[in-house]
N, C-alpha and C. Protein backbone atom coordinates (compact mmCIF):
# COMPACT_ATOMS: atom_id res chain seq x y z
N MET A 1 60.61 -60.25 66.73
CA MET A 1 59.28 -60.26 67.31
C MET A 1 59.17 -61.40 68.32
N GLU A 2 57.97 -61.62 68.80
CA GLU A 2 57.75 -62.62 69.84
C GLU A 2 58.05 -64.03 69.39
N TRP A 3 57.79 -64.35 68.14
CA TRP A 3 57.91 -65.74 67.72
C TRP A 3 59.36 -66.16 67.51
N SER A 4 60.31 -65.29 67.84
CA SER A 4 61.71 -65.70 67.75
C SER A 4 61.99 -66.82 68.75
N GLU A 5 61.10 -66.98 69.73
CA GLU A 5 61.24 -68.05 70.70
C GLU A 5 60.81 -69.40 70.13
N ALA A 6 60.16 -69.38 68.99
CA ALA A 6 59.62 -70.61 68.40
C ALA A 6 60.75 -71.53 67.97
N ARG A 7 60.53 -72.81 68.13
CA ARG A 7 61.50 -73.80 67.68
C ARG A 7 61.01 -74.41 66.38
N SER A 8 61.86 -74.49 65.41
CA SER A 8 61.52 -75.12 64.15
C SER A 8 62.47 -76.30 63.94
N LEU A 9 61.90 -77.48 63.79
CA LEU A 9 62.72 -78.66 63.54
C LEU A 9 63.10 -78.69 62.07
N ASP A 10 64.08 -79.52 61.74
CA ASP A 10 64.50 -79.63 60.34
C ASP A 10 63.33 -80.06 59.48
N SER A 11 63.31 -79.53 58.27
CA SER A 11 62.29 -79.94 57.32
C SER A 11 62.53 -81.39 56.95
N ARG A 12 61.46 -82.12 56.80
CA ARG A 12 61.57 -83.53 56.46
C ARG A 12 60.81 -83.79 55.17
N VAL A 13 61.32 -84.71 54.39
CA VAL A 13 60.67 -85.07 53.14
C VAL A 13 60.17 -86.50 53.27
N SER A 14 58.91 -86.70 53.01
CA SER A 14 58.32 -88.02 53.03
C SER A 14 58.47 -88.64 51.65
N PRO A 15 59.11 -89.82 51.54
CA PRO A 15 59.35 -90.40 50.22
C PRO A 15 58.06 -90.85 49.51
N ALA A 16 57.02 -91.22 50.25
CA ALA A 16 55.79 -91.70 49.63
C ALA A 16 54.99 -90.54 49.02
N ALA A 17 54.97 -89.44 49.70
CA ALA A 17 54.22 -88.28 49.23
C ALA A 17 55.17 -87.27 48.60
N GLU A 18 54.62 -86.35 47.88
CA GLU A 18 55.42 -85.31 47.24
C GLU A 18 55.32 -84.02 48.04
N TYR A 19 55.41 -84.12 49.36
CA TYR A 19 55.33 -82.96 50.23
C TYR A 19 56.56 -82.88 51.12
N GLU A 20 56.93 -81.67 51.49
CA GLU A 20 57.98 -81.40 52.45
C GLU A 20 57.27 -80.89 53.70
N PHE A 21 57.72 -81.32 54.88
CA PHE A 21 57.06 -80.95 56.12
C PHE A 21 57.98 -80.13 57.01
N ARG A 22 57.40 -79.20 57.73
CA ARG A 22 58.14 -78.39 58.71
C ARG A 22 57.35 -78.42 60.02
N HIS A 23 58.03 -78.76 61.11
CA HIS A 23 57.42 -78.83 62.43
C HIS A 23 57.84 -77.61 63.23
N ILE A 24 56.87 -76.91 63.82
CA ILE A 24 57.14 -75.72 64.60
C ILE A 24 56.45 -75.88 65.95
N SER A 25 57.15 -75.52 67.00
CA SER A 25 56.60 -75.55 68.34
C SER A 25 56.60 -74.12 68.88
N LEU A 26 55.43 -73.62 69.28
CA LEU A 26 55.30 -72.27 69.82
C LEU A 26 55.02 -72.35 71.31
N PRO A 27 55.76 -71.59 72.12
CA PRO A 27 55.50 -71.61 73.57
C PRO A 27 54.20 -70.88 73.90
N ARG A 28 53.76 -71.04 75.12
CA ARG A 28 52.49 -70.45 75.54
C ARG A 28 52.54 -68.94 75.61
N THR A 29 53.73 -68.35 75.60
CA THR A 29 53.86 -66.89 75.69
C THR A 29 53.52 -66.19 74.38
N ILE A 30 53.43 -66.94 73.28
CA ILE A 30 53.10 -66.36 71.98
C ILE A 30 51.59 -66.16 71.91
N SER A 31 51.18 -64.96 71.57
CA SER A 31 49.74 -64.67 71.48
C SER A 31 49.15 -65.32 70.22
N ARG A 32 47.84 -65.40 70.21
CA ARG A 32 47.14 -65.97 69.06
C ARG A 32 47.40 -65.15 67.80
N GLY A 33 47.40 -63.83 67.93
CA GLY A 33 47.64 -62.94 66.80
C GLY A 33 49.05 -63.09 66.25
N ALA A 34 50.03 -63.23 67.14
CA ALA A 34 51.42 -63.41 66.69
C ALA A 34 51.58 -64.74 65.97
N ALA A 35 50.93 -65.78 66.48
CA ALA A 35 50.98 -67.09 65.82
C ALA A 35 50.34 -67.02 64.43
N ARG A 36 49.24 -66.30 64.33
CA ARG A 36 48.56 -66.13 63.04
C ARG A 36 49.45 -65.39 62.05
N ARG A 37 50.13 -64.33 62.52
CA ARG A 37 51.04 -63.58 61.64
C ARG A 37 52.19 -64.46 61.16
N LEU A 38 52.73 -65.27 62.06
CA LEU A 38 53.82 -66.18 61.68
C LEU A 38 53.38 -67.14 60.60
N LEU A 39 52.21 -67.75 60.78
CA LEU A 39 51.71 -68.71 59.80
C LEU A 39 51.35 -68.03 58.48
N THR A 40 50.84 -66.82 58.54
CA THR A 40 50.52 -66.08 57.32
C THR A 40 51.78 -65.77 56.53
N GLU A 41 52.85 -65.36 57.22
CA GLU A 41 54.12 -65.10 56.54
C GLU A 41 54.66 -66.36 55.88
N GLN A 42 54.59 -67.48 56.60
CA GLN A 42 55.08 -68.74 56.04
C GLN A 42 54.29 -69.12 54.80
N ALA A 43 52.99 -68.90 54.82
CA ALA A 43 52.14 -69.25 53.68
C ALA A 43 52.41 -68.35 52.49
N GLU A 44 52.53 -67.05 52.72
CA GLU A 44 52.69 -66.11 51.61
C GLU A 44 54.09 -66.15 51.00
N HIS A 45 55.10 -66.24 51.83
CA HIS A 45 56.47 -66.13 51.33
C HIS A 45 57.17 -67.47 51.13
N GLY A 46 56.77 -68.48 51.88
CA GLY A 46 57.43 -69.77 51.76
C GLY A 46 56.58 -70.83 51.08
N HIS A 47 55.35 -70.47 50.71
CA HIS A 47 54.42 -71.39 50.04
C HIS A 47 54.08 -72.60 50.92
N TRP A 48 54.06 -72.39 52.24
CA TRP A 48 53.68 -73.46 53.16
C TRP A 48 52.17 -73.40 53.38
N GLU A 49 51.59 -74.55 53.69
CA GLU A 49 50.17 -74.61 54.07
C GLU A 49 50.07 -75.37 55.38
N LEU A 50 49.02 -75.09 56.13
CA LEU A 50 48.83 -75.70 57.44
C LEU A 50 48.35 -77.14 57.26
N ALA A 51 49.10 -78.08 57.81
CA ALA A 51 48.70 -79.49 57.76
C ALA A 51 48.03 -79.89 59.08
N ARG A 52 48.59 -79.41 60.20
CA ARG A 52 48.02 -79.75 61.50
C ARG A 52 48.45 -78.71 62.53
N LEU A 53 47.53 -78.37 63.42
CA LEU A 53 47.84 -77.50 64.54
C LEU A 53 47.23 -78.12 65.78
N ARG A 54 48.07 -78.35 66.79
CA ARG A 54 47.59 -78.91 68.05
C ARG A 54 47.81 -77.89 69.14
N LEU A 55 46.76 -77.55 69.85
CA LEU A 55 46.82 -76.63 70.98
C LEU A 55 46.66 -77.46 72.25
N TYR A 56 47.67 -77.40 73.11
CA TYR A 56 47.66 -78.20 74.33
C TYR A 56 47.08 -77.40 75.49
N PRO A 57 46.59 -78.09 76.54
CA PRO A 57 45.99 -77.40 77.69
C PRO A 57 46.92 -76.39 78.36
N ASP A 58 48.23 -76.60 78.28
CA ASP A 58 49.15 -75.65 78.90
C ASP A 58 49.41 -74.43 78.03
N GLY A 59 48.82 -74.38 76.83
CA GLY A 59 48.93 -73.21 75.96
C GLY A 59 49.95 -73.33 74.85
N THR A 60 50.77 -74.37 74.85
CA THR A 60 51.74 -74.54 73.77
C THR A 60 51.04 -75.02 72.51
N ARG A 61 51.64 -74.70 71.37
CA ARG A 61 51.08 -75.11 70.08
C ARG A 61 52.14 -75.89 69.32
N ASN A 62 51.75 -77.01 68.74
CA ASN A 62 52.60 -77.75 67.81
C ASN A 62 51.95 -77.62 66.44
N ILE A 63 52.75 -77.16 65.48
CA ILE A 63 52.24 -76.87 64.15
C ILE A 63 53.01 -77.69 63.14
N VAL A 64 52.30 -78.27 62.18
CA VAL A 64 52.93 -78.97 61.07
C VAL A 64 52.51 -78.25 59.79
N LEU A 65 53.52 -77.76 59.06
CA LEU A 65 53.27 -77.11 57.78
C LEU A 65 53.75 -78.04 56.68
N ARG A 66 53.16 -77.93 55.51
CA ARG A 66 53.62 -78.73 54.37
C ARG A 66 53.60 -77.89 53.11
N ARG A 67 54.44 -78.29 52.17
CA ARG A 67 54.42 -77.67 50.85
C ARG A 67 54.81 -78.71 49.82
N LYS A 68 54.26 -78.53 48.65
CA LYS A 68 54.47 -79.46 47.55
C LYS A 68 55.91 -79.35 47.06
N ILE A 69 56.52 -80.49 46.80
CA ILE A 69 57.88 -80.53 46.26
C ILE A 69 57.78 -80.40 44.75
N MET A 70 58.47 -79.42 44.22
CA MET A 70 58.47 -79.21 42.77
C MET A 70 59.67 -79.94 42.17
N ARG A 71 59.40 -80.91 41.36
CA ARG A 71 60.47 -81.65 40.67
C ARG A 71 60.74 -80.97 39.34
N VAL A 72 62.00 -80.66 39.09
CA VAL A 72 62.40 -79.99 37.85
C VAL A 72 63.22 -80.97 37.03
N ARG A 73 62.82 -81.16 35.79
CA ARG A 73 63.55 -82.04 34.90
C ARG A 73 64.51 -81.24 34.04
N ALA A 74 65.64 -81.83 33.77
CA ALA A 74 66.62 -81.17 32.90
C ALA A 74 66.08 -81.13 31.48
N THR A 75 66.27 -80.00 30.80
CA THR A 75 65.75 -79.85 29.44
C THR A 75 66.87 -79.88 28.40
N LEU A 76 68.07 -80.13 28.83
CA LEU A 76 69.19 -80.16 27.87
C LEU A 76 69.45 -81.52 27.33
């Protein structure tokens, strides 16, 4: 689809918080509906939530998604 042009930077983990962050940059050619579908898919299937969305005057969007890091303890 259209959002294949989107750039996603490596996920980063902040040591102070228990969240993992993903930065996505969408070019101006991506429609608002396509951006919404992309974010909806990320939320439903990847358990990401929107932390920040910046829309620039030239039409590009910078998006920061976050999700809680689940720590699993060994039970053996």
